[in-house]
Amino acid sequence: MALGGLWHGANWTFVVWGVLHGAYLAAEHLLQPLLRRMPEPVRASPVTRALVVIATFHLTCIAWVFFRAPTIGTAASMVTEMLFPSILQLNISTAATPYVVISAIAVVIALLVKGRGVSERVPGWAWGVTAALMLVVTIVSWGDPNAFIYFRF
């Protein structure tokens, strides 16, 4: 994984990104015997599954900071601020805000209708309208195309 990070660029931040992903994979493999000894109802519970998803998401976000940061010091400062913020503020003026709001609404609706067969009863045109609306939101909030990281290589 460290070599995979180095492949992305000649900077120590990419190496750290790869090492972190490798460490996550190693930890997951090392924890398997312990996890298998957990009672099945605990392992399969929605709460456990949600905690695993949340932990995976946050660990991956921490690793991606190193991928994007120009230096190890900058990345370390960003991770420190993520874990121990010096100020708490809500920035709702970003291009991601519509996605966050729509995603939150979708999750709430999905949880409310889970197990009721609603997805089978929704007509095809409704799925199409939903996809079209998401496409419109994506196009309207599209950022600078040069911001895509691989355009720098």
N, C-alpha and C. Protein backbone atom coordinates (compact mmCIF):
# COMPACT_ATOMS: atom_id res chain seq x y z
N MET A 1 0.83 -1.20 0.00
CA MET A 1 0.00 0.00 0.00
C MET A 1 0.88 1.26 0.00
N ALA A 2 2.03 1.19 0.66
CA ALA A 2 2.94 2.33 0.64
C ALA A 2 3.44 2.60 -0.78
N LEU A 3 3.72 1.53 -1.52
CA LEU A 3 4.14 1.71 -2.91
C LEU A 3 3.00 2.27 -3.76
N GLY A 4 1.78 1.84 -3.46
CA GLY A 4 0.61 2.40 -4.15
C GLY A 4 0.48 3.89 -3.88
N GLY A 5 0.78 4.30 -2.65
CA GLY A 5 0.77 5.73 -2.33
C GLY A 5 1.86 6.47 -3.08
N LEU A 6 3.05 5.87 -3.13
CA LEU A 6 4.17 6.50 -3.84
C LEU A 6 3.89 6.60 -5.33
N TRP A 7 3.13 5.66 -5.86
CA TRP A 7 2.77 5.70 -7.28
C TRP A 7 1.95 6.95 -7.59
N HIS A 8 1.17 7.43 -6.61
CA HIS A 8 0.34 8.61 -6.84
C HIS A 8 1.14 9.90 -6.87
N GLY A 9 2.33 9.91 -6.32
CA GLY A 9 3.13 11.12 -6.34
C GLY A 9 4.38 10.97 -5.50
N ALA A 10 5.40 11.73 -5.85
CA ALA A 10 6.68 11.66 -5.14
C ALA A 10 6.65 12.61 -3.95
N ASN A 11 5.86 12.27 -2.96
CA ASN A 11 5.73 13.08 -1.76
C ASN A 11 5.44 12.15 -0.59
N TRP A 12 5.96 12.46 0.57
CA TRP A 12 5.75 11.61 1.73
C TRP A 12 4.28 11.53 2.12
N THR A 13 3.50 12.53 1.78
CA THR A 13 2.07 12.49 2.13
C THR A 13 1.38 11.32 1.44
N PHE A 14 1.77 11.03 0.21
CA PHE A 14 1.17 9.90 -0.50
C PHE A 14 1.59 8.58 0.13
N VAL A 15 2.84 8.51 0.58
CA VAL A 15 3.32 7.30 1.25
C VAL A 15 2.54 7.07 2.54
N VAL A 16 2.34 8.14 3.33
CA VAL A 16 1.57 8.02 4.57
C VAL A 16 0.15 7.58 4.27
N TRP A 17 -0.44 8.13 3.22
CA TRP A 17 -1.79 7.73 2.81
C TRP A 17 -1.83 6.23 2.54
N GLY A 18 -0.86 5.72 1.80
CA GLY A 18 -0.82 4.29 1.51
C GLY A 18 -0.57 3.46 2.75
N VAL A 19 0.34 3.92 3.62
CA VAL A 19 0.64 3.18 4.85
C VAL A 19 -0.60 3.13 5.75
N LEU A 20 -1.32 4.23 5.85
CA LEU A 20 -2.55 4.22 6.66
C LEU A 20 -3.55 3.20 6.14
N HIS A 21 -3.77 3.18 4.83
CA HIS A 21 -4.70 2.19 4.27
C HIS A 21 -4.20 0.77 4.51
N GLY A 22 -2.90 0.56 4.38
CA GLY A 22 -2.33 -0.75 4.67
C GLY A 22 -2.52 -1.13 6.13
N ALA A 23 -2.32 -0.17 7.04
CA ALA A 23 -2.51 -0.42 8.47
C ALA A 23 -3.97 -0.76 8.77
N TYR A 24 -4.89 -0.07 8.11
CA TYR A 24 -6.31 -0.37 8.31
C TYR A 24 -6.63 -1.80 7.86
N LEU A 25 -6.10 -2.19 6.71
CA LEU A 25 -6.33 -3.56 6.22
C LEU A 25 -5.71 -4.59 7.16
N ALA A 26 -4.50 -4.32 7.64
CA ALA A 26 -3.84 -5.25 8.55
C ALA A 26 -4.63 -5.37 9.85
N ALA A 27 -5.10 -4.25 10.38
CA ALA A 27 -5.89 -4.28 11.61
C ALA A 27 -7.18 -5.07 11.41
N GLU A 28 -7.81 -4.88 10.27
CA GLU A 28 -9.05 -5.62 9.99
C GLU A 28 -8.79 -7.12 9.96
N HIS A 29 -7.70 -7.53 9.33
CA HIS A 29 -7.36 -8.96 9.27
C HIS A 29 -6.98 -9.50 10.64
N LEU A 30 -6.24 -8.73 11.43
CA LEU A 30 -5.83 -9.18 12.75
C LEU A 30 -7.01 -9.27 13.72
N LEU A 31 -8.03 -8.44 13.52
CA LEU A 31 -9.19 -8.44 14.41
C LEU A 31 -10.22 -9.52 14.06
N GLN A 32 -10.08 -10.17 12.91
CA GLN A 32 -11.07 -11.16 12.50
C GLN A 32 -11.30 -12.27 13.53
N PRO A 33 -10.24 -12.89 14.09
CA PRO A 33 -10.49 -13.93 15.10
C PRO A 33 -11.27 -13.42 16.30
N LEU A 34 -10.97 -12.21 16.74
CA LEU A 34 -11.69 -11.62 17.86
C LEU A 34 -13.15 -11.36 17.50
N LEU A 35 -13.38 -10.87 16.30
CA LEU A 35 -14.74 -10.58 15.87
C LEU A 35 -15.57 -11.84 15.70
N ARG A 36 -14.94 -12.93 15.27
CA ARG A 36 -15.67 -14.19 15.11
C ARG A 36 -16.15 -14.75 16.45
N ARG A 37 -15.47 -14.40 17.54
CA ARG A 37 -15.88 -14.88 18.86
C ARG A 37 -17.03 -14.09 19.45
N MET A 38 -17.36 -12.95 18.83
CA MET A 38 -18.50 -12.17 19.31
C MET A 38 -19.78 -12.94 19.01
N PRO A 39 -20.78 -12.85 19.88
CA PRO A 39 -22.05 -13.51 19.59
C PRO A 39 -22.66 -12.99 18.28
N GLU A 40 -23.23 -13.87 17.51
CA GLU A 40 -23.81 -13.53 16.21
C GLU A 40 -24.82 -12.38 16.30
N PRO A 41 -25.73 -12.38 17.29
CA PRO A 41 -26.69 -11.26 17.36
C PRO A 41 -26.00 -9.90 17.53
N VAL A 42 -24.87 -9.88 18.25
CA VAL A 42 -24.14 -8.62 18.42
C VAL A 42 -23.46 -8.22 17.12
N ARG A 43 -22.81 -9.20 16.48
CA ARG A 43 -22.12 -8.93 15.22
C ARG A 43 -23.05 -8.45 14.12
N ALA A 44 -24.25 -9.05 14.05
CA ALA A 44 -25.19 -8.75 12.97
C ALA A 44 -26.16 -7.63 13.30
N SER A 45 -26.04 -7.05 14.48
CA SER A 45 -27.02 -6.02 14.86
C SER A 45 -26.82 -4.76 14.03
N PRO A 46 -27.89 -4.04 13.77
CA PRO A 46 -27.79 -2.79 13.01
C PRO A 46 -26.89 -1.76 13.69
N VAL A 47 -26.86 -1.76 15.01
CA VAL A 47 -26.02 -0.80 15.73
C VAL A 47 -24.55 -1.10 15.48
N THR A 48 -24.17 -2.38 15.57
CA THR A 48 -22.78 -2.76 15.32
C THR A 48 -22.39 -2.43 13.89
N ARG A 49 -23.27 -2.77 12.96
CA ARG A 49 -22.97 -2.49 11.55
C ARG A 49 -22.82 -0.99 11.31
N ALA A 50 -23.68 -0.19 11.93
CA ALA A 50 -23.60 1.27 11.78
C ALA A 50 -22.29 1.79 12.37
N LEU A 51 -21.89 1.28 13.53
CA LEU A 51 -20.64 1.72 14.14
C LEU A 51 -19.43 1.38 13.26
N VAL A 52 -19.46 0.20 12.64
CA VAL A 52 -18.37 -0.21 11.76
C VAL A 52 -18.31 0.71 10.53
N VAL A 53 -19.45 1.02 9.96
CA VAL A 53 -19.49 1.92 8.80
C VAL A 53 -18.98 3.31 9.17
N ILE A 54 -19.42 3.81 10.31
CA ILE A 54 -18.99 5.15 10.75
C ILE A 54 -17.49 5.17 11.01
N ALA A 55 -16.97 4.14 11.68
CA ALA A 55 -15.53 4.08 11.95
C ALA A 55 -14.73 4.00 10.66
N THR A 56 -15.18 3.16 9.72
CA THR A 56 -14.49 3.02 8.44
C THR A 56 -14.48 4.35 7.69
N PHE A 57 -15.60 5.02 7.65
CA PHE A 57 -15.70 6.30 6.97
C PHE A 57 -14.71 7.31 7.56
N HIS A 58 -14.69 7.42 8.87
CA HIS A 58 -13.83 8.42 9.50
C HIS A 58 -12.35 8.08 9.36
N LEU A 59 -12.00 6.82 9.49
CA LEU A 59 -10.60 6.45 9.29
C LEU A 59 -10.15 6.73 7.86
N THR A 60 -11.03 6.45 6.90
CA THR A 60 -10.71 6.71 5.50
C THR A 60 -10.57 8.22 5.25
N CYS A 61 -11.44 9.02 5.85
CA CYS A 61 -11.33 10.48 5.70
C CYS A 61 -10.01 10.99 6.25
N ILE A 62 -9.58 10.44 7.38
CA ILE A 62 -8.29 10.85 7.95
C ILE A 62 -7.17 10.52 6.98
N ALA A 63 -7.21 9.34 6.38
CA ALA A 63 -6.16 8.96 5.42
C ALA A 63 -6.17 9.88 4.21
N TRP A 64 -7.35 10.25 3.73
CA TRP A 64 -7.43 11.09 2.53
C TRP A 64 -6.87 12.49 2.77
N VAL A 65 -6.85 12.94 4.01
CA VAL A 65 -6.23 14.24 4.31
C VAL A 65 -4.77 14.22 3.86
N PHE A 66 -4.08 13.11 4.14
CA PHE A 66 -2.67 13.01 3.75
C PHE A 66 -2.51 12.98 2.24
N PHE A 67 -3.48 12.40 1.54
CA PHE A 67 -3.41 12.34 0.08
C PHE A 67 -3.48 13.74 -0.52
N ARG A 68 -4.28 14.60 0.05
CA ARG A 68 -4.53 15.92 -0.53
C ARG A 68 -3.61 17.02 0.00
N ALA A 69 -3.08 16.85 1.22
CA ALA A 69 -2.27 17.90 1.85
C ALA A 69 -0.92 18.04 1.16
N PRO A 70 -0.39 19.26 1.10
CA PRO A 70 0.91 19.46 0.45
C PRO A 70 2.09 18.94 1.27
N THR A 71 1.96 18.93 2.62
CA THR A 71 3.06 18.46 3.47
C THR A 71 2.50 17.62 4.61
N ILE A 72 3.39 16.85 5.24
CA ILE A 72 3.00 16.05 6.40
C ILE A 72 2.53 16.96 7.53
N GLY A 73 3.24 18.08 7.74
CA GLY A 73 2.87 19.02 8.80
C GLY A 73 1.47 19.59 8.60
N THR A 74 1.17 19.95 7.37
CA THR A 74 -0.17 20.48 7.06
C THR A 74 -1.22 19.41 7.33
N ALA A 75 -0.95 18.20 6.89
CA ALA A 75 -1.90 17.10 7.11
C ALA A 75 -2.09 16.84 8.60
N ALA A 76 -1.00 16.84 9.35
CA ALA A 76 -1.09 16.61 10.79
C ALA A 76 -1.92 17.70 11.47
N SER A 77 -1.74 18.94 11.04
CA SER A 77 -2.54 20.05 11.59
C SER A 77 -4.02 19.86 11.27
N MET A 78 -4.30 19.45 10.03
CA MET A 78 -5.69 19.24 9.62
C MET A 78 -6.33 18.11 10.41
N VAL A 79 -5.62 17.00 10.57
CA VAL A 79 -6.16 15.87 11.32
C VAL A 79 -6.37 16.26 12.78
N THR A 80 -5.42 16.99 13.35
CA THR A 80 -5.58 17.45 14.74
C THR A 80 -6.82 18.32 14.87
N GLU A 81 -7.02 19.22 13.92
CA GLU A 81 -8.20 20.10 13.97
C GLU A 81 -9.49 19.30 13.75
N MET A 82 -9.42 18.25 12.94
CA MET A 82 -10.60 17.40 12.73
C MET A 82 -10.98 16.67 14.03
N LEU A 83 -9.97 16.15 14.72
CA LEU A 83 -10.22 15.36 15.92
C LEU A 83 -10.47 16.22 17.16
N PHE A 84 -9.78 17.36 17.24
CA PHE A 84 -9.90 18.25 18.39
C PHE A 84 -10.09 19.69 17.91
N PRO A 85 -11.28 20.02 17.42
CA PRO A 85 -11.49 21.35 16.82
C PRO A 85 -11.31 22.48 17.83
N SER A 86 -10.66 23.54 17.38
CA SER A 86 -10.46 24.70 18.24
C SER A 86 -11.70 25.60 18.23
N ILE A 87 -12.50 25.50 17.18
CA ILE A 87 -13.74 26.27 17.09
C ILE A 87 -14.76 25.43 16.35
N LEU A 88 -15.98 25.48 16.80
CA LEU A 88 -17.05 24.74 16.13
C LEU A 88 -17.92 25.72 15.37
N GLN A 89 -18.01 25.51 14.07
CA GLN A 89 -18.86 26.37 13.25
C GLN A 89 -19.46 25.54 12.13
N LEU A 90 -20.60 25.95 11.67
CA LEU A 90 -21.29 25.26 10.60
C LEU A 90 -21.21 26.11 9.34
N ASN A 91 -20.65 25.54 8.28
CA ASN A 91 -20.51 26.24 7.02
C ASN A 91 -21.53 25.64 6.04
N ILE A 92 -22.63 26.33 5.84
CA ILE A 92 -23.66 25.80 4.96
C ILE A 92 -23.64 26.46 3.58
N SER A 93 -22.55 27.15 3.27
CA SER A 93 -22.48 27.83 1.98
C SER A 93 -21.59 27.08 0.98
N THR A 94 -21.33 25.81 1.22
CA THR A 94 -20.50 25.05 0.29
C THR A 94 -21.35 24.40 -0.79
N ALA A 95 -20.70 23.97 -1.85
CA ALA A 95 -21.40 23.31 -2.94
C ALA A 95 -21.93 21.95 -2.52
N ALA A 96 -21.39 21.38 -1.45
CA ALA A 96 -21.81 20.05 -1.00
C ALA A 96 -23.11 20.10 -0.19
N THR A 97 -23.55 21.29 0.23
CA THR A 97 -24.73 21.40 1.08
C THR A 97 -25.97 20.74 0.48
N PRO A 98 -26.30 20.96 -0.80
CA PRO A 98 -27.49 20.28 -1.34
C PRO A 98 -27.37 18.76 -1.27
N TYR A 99 -26.17 18.23 -1.49
CA TYR A 99 -25.98 16.78 -1.42
C TYR A 99 -26.19 16.26 -0.01
N VAL A 100 -25.68 16.99 0.97
CA VAL A 100 -25.83 16.57 2.36
C VAL A 100 -27.30 16.58 2.76
N VAL A 101 -28.01 17.63 2.39
CA VAL A 101 -29.43 17.74 2.74
C VAL A 101 -30.23 16.64 2.05
N ILE A 102 -30.03 16.46 0.76
CA ILE A 102 -30.77 15.43 0.01
C ILE A 102 -30.42 14.05 0.55
N SER A 103 -29.16 13.81 0.85
CA SER A 103 -28.76 12.50 1.39
C SER A 103 -29.40 12.25 2.75
N ALA A 104 -29.42 13.26 3.60
CA ALA A 104 -30.04 13.11 4.92
C ALA A 104 -31.53 12.80 4.79
N ILE A 105 -32.20 13.51 3.89
CA ILE A 105 -33.63 13.24 3.67
C ILE A 105 -33.83 11.82 3.15
N ALA A 106 -32.97 11.40 2.22
CA ALA A 106 -33.08 10.05 1.66
C ALA A 106 -32.86 8.98 2.72
N VAL A 107 -31.91 9.20 3.61
CA VAL A 107 -31.64 8.23 4.68
C VAL A 107 -32.84 8.14 5.63
N VAL A 108 -33.40 9.28 6.00
CA VAL A 108 -34.56 9.28 6.90
C VAL A 108 -35.74 8.57 6.24
N ILE A 109 -36.00 8.87 4.98
CA ILE A 109 -37.10 8.20 4.27
C ILE A 109 -36.84 6.70 4.17
N ALA A 110 -35.60 6.32 3.85
CA ALA A 110 -35.27 4.90 3.74
C ALA A 110 -35.49 4.18 5.06
N LEU A 111 -35.12 4.82 6.16
CA LEU A 111 -35.32 4.20 7.47
C LEU A 111 -36.80 4.09 7.82
N LEU A 112 -37.58 5.08 7.41
CA LEU A 112 -39.01 5.06 7.72
C LEU A 112 -39.78 4.00 6.93
N VAL A 113 -39.35 3.74 5.70
CA VAL A 113 -40.11 2.81 4.85
C VAL A 113 -39.45 1.43 4.74
N LYS A 114 -38.37 1.21 5.49
CA LYS A 114 -37.64 -0.06 5.41
C LYS A 114 -38.57 -1.24 5.71
N GLY A 115 -38.47 -2.25 4.85
CA GLY A 115 -39.24 -3.48 5.04
C GLY A 115 -40.70 -3.39 4.64
N ARG A 116 -41.12 -2.33 4.01
CA ARG A 116 -42.52 -2.17 3.63
C ARG A 116 -42.75 -2.37 2.14
N GLY A 117 -41.73 -2.74 1.41
CA GLY A 117 -41.87 -3.00 -0.02
C GLY A 117 -42.13 -1.76 -0.84
N VAL A 118 -41.73 -0.61 -0.33
CA VAL A 118 -42.01 0.64 -1.01
C VAL A 118 -41.24 0.74 -2.32
N SER A 119 -39.99 0.27 -2.33
CA SER A 119 -39.19 0.42 -3.54
C SER A 119 -39.80 -0.31 -4.73
N GLU A 120 -40.50 -1.40 -4.46
CA GLU A 120 -41.15 -2.13 -5.56
C GLU A 120 -42.42 -1.42 -6.03
N ARG A 121 -43.02 -0.63 -5.17
CA ARG A 121 -44.27 0.05 -5.54
C ARG A 121 -44.04 1.41 -6.17
N VAL A 122 -42.82 1.94 -6.09
CA VAL A 122 -42.54 3.24 -6.69
C VAL A 122 -42.44 3.06 -8.20
N PRO A 123 -43.19 3.85 -8.96
CA PRO A 123 -43.15 3.70 -10.42
C PRO A 123 -41.80 4.09 -11.01
N GLY A 124 -41.50 3.54 -12.15
CA GLY A 124 -40.23 3.79 -12.81
C GLY A 124 -39.99 5.26 -13.09
N TRP A 125 -41.05 6.00 -13.47
CA TRP A 125 -40.87 7.41 -13.78
C TRP A 125 -40.42 8.19 -12.54
N ALA A 126 -40.83 7.78 -11.34
CA ALA A 126 -40.42 8.48 -10.12
C ALA A 126 -38.92 8.31 -9.88
N TRP A 127 -38.42 7.09 -10.15
CA TRP A 127 -36.98 6.88 -10.03
C TRP A 127 -36.24 7.75 -11.05
N GLY A 128 -36.79 7.86 -12.26
CA GLY A 128 -36.16 8.69 -13.29
C GLY A 128 -36.14 10.16 -12.92
N VAL A 129 -37.25 10.66 -12.37
CA VAL A 129 -37.32 12.07 -11.95
C VAL A 129 -36.31 12.33 -10.83
N THR A 130 -36.20 11.38 -9.91
CA THR A 130 -35.24 11.53 -8.81
C THR A 130 -33.81 11.59 -9.35
N ALA A 131 -33.49 10.70 -10.29
CA ALA A 131 -32.15 10.71 -10.88
C ALA A 131 -31.90 12.01 -11.64
N ALA A 132 -32.91 12.50 -12.36
CA ALA A 132 -32.77 13.75 -13.10
C ALA A 132 -32.54 14.93 -12.15
N LEU A 133 -33.26 14.96 -11.04
CA LEU A 133 -33.06 16.04 -10.07
C LEU A 133 -31.65 16.01 -9.49
N MET A 134 -31.15 14.83 -9.20
CA MET A 134 -29.78 14.73 -8.69
C MET A 134 -28.78 15.19 -9.76
N LEU A 135 -29.04 14.88 -11.00
CA LEU A 135 -28.17 15.34 -12.08
C LEU A 135 -28.18 16.86 -12.18
N VAL A 136 -29.37 17.47 -12.07
CA VAL A 136 -29.48 18.93 -12.13
C VAL A 136 -28.71 19.55 -10.96
N VAL A 137 -28.87 19.00 -9.77
CA VAL A 137 -28.15 19.53 -8.60
C VAL A 137 -26.64 19.42 -8.83
N THR A 138 -26.21 18.31 -9.41
CA THR A 138 -24.79 18.11 -9.67
C THR A 138 -24.27 19.13 -10.67
N ILE A 139 -24.99 19.35 -11.75
CA ILE A 139 -24.55 20.30 -12.77
C ILE A 139 -24.55 21.72 -12.24
N VAL A 140 -25.59 22.09 -11.49
CA VAL A 140 -25.70 23.45 -10.98
C VAL A 140 -24.59 23.75 -9.96
N SER A 141 -24.22 22.75 -9.17
CA SER A 141 -23.22 23.00 -8.13
C SER A 141 -21.83 22.55 -8.56
N TRP A 142 -21.65 22.28 -9.82
CA TRP A 142 -20.36 21.80 -10.33
C TRP A 142 -19.29 22.83 -10.05
N GLY A 143 -18.16 22.37 -9.53
CA GLY A 143 -17.05 23.27 -9.23
C GLY A 143 -16.13 23.42 -10.42
N ASP A 144 -14.94 23.90 -10.14
CA ASP A 144 -13.91 24.07 -11.15
C ASP A 144 -13.43 22.70 -11.61
N PRO A 145 -13.53 22.37 -12.90
CA PRO A 145 -13.12 21.04 -13.34
C PRO A 145 -11.64 20.79 -13.12
N ASN A 146 -10.83 21.84 -13.03
CA ASN A 146 -9.41 21.65 -12.76
C ASN A 146 -9.12 21.31 -11.31
N ALA A 147 -10.14 21.34 -10.46
CA ALA A 147 -9.94 20.98 -9.06
C ALA A 147 -9.76 19.48 -8.91
N PHE A 148 -10.15 18.70 -9.91
CA PHE A 148 -9.98 17.26 -9.85
C PHE A 148 -8.49 16.96 -9.74
N ILE A 149 -8.11 16.21 -8.74
CA ILE A 149 -6.69 16.07 -8.39
C ILE A 149 -5.84 15.46 -9.50
N TYR A 150 -6.37 14.54 -10.28
CA TYR A 150 -5.55 13.89 -11.31
C TYR A 150 -5.25 14.80 -12.49
N PHE A 151 -5.91 15.96 -12.59
CA PHE A 151 -5.57 16.89 -13.66
C PHE A 151 -4.20 17.50 -13.43
N ARG A 152 -3.65 17.39 -12.21
CA ARG A 152 -2.34 17.95 -11.92
C ARG A 152 -1.22 17.06 -12.41
N PHE A 153 -1.51 15.80 -12.71
CA PHE A 153 -0.45 14.85 -13.06
C PHE A 153 -0.19 14.81 -14.55
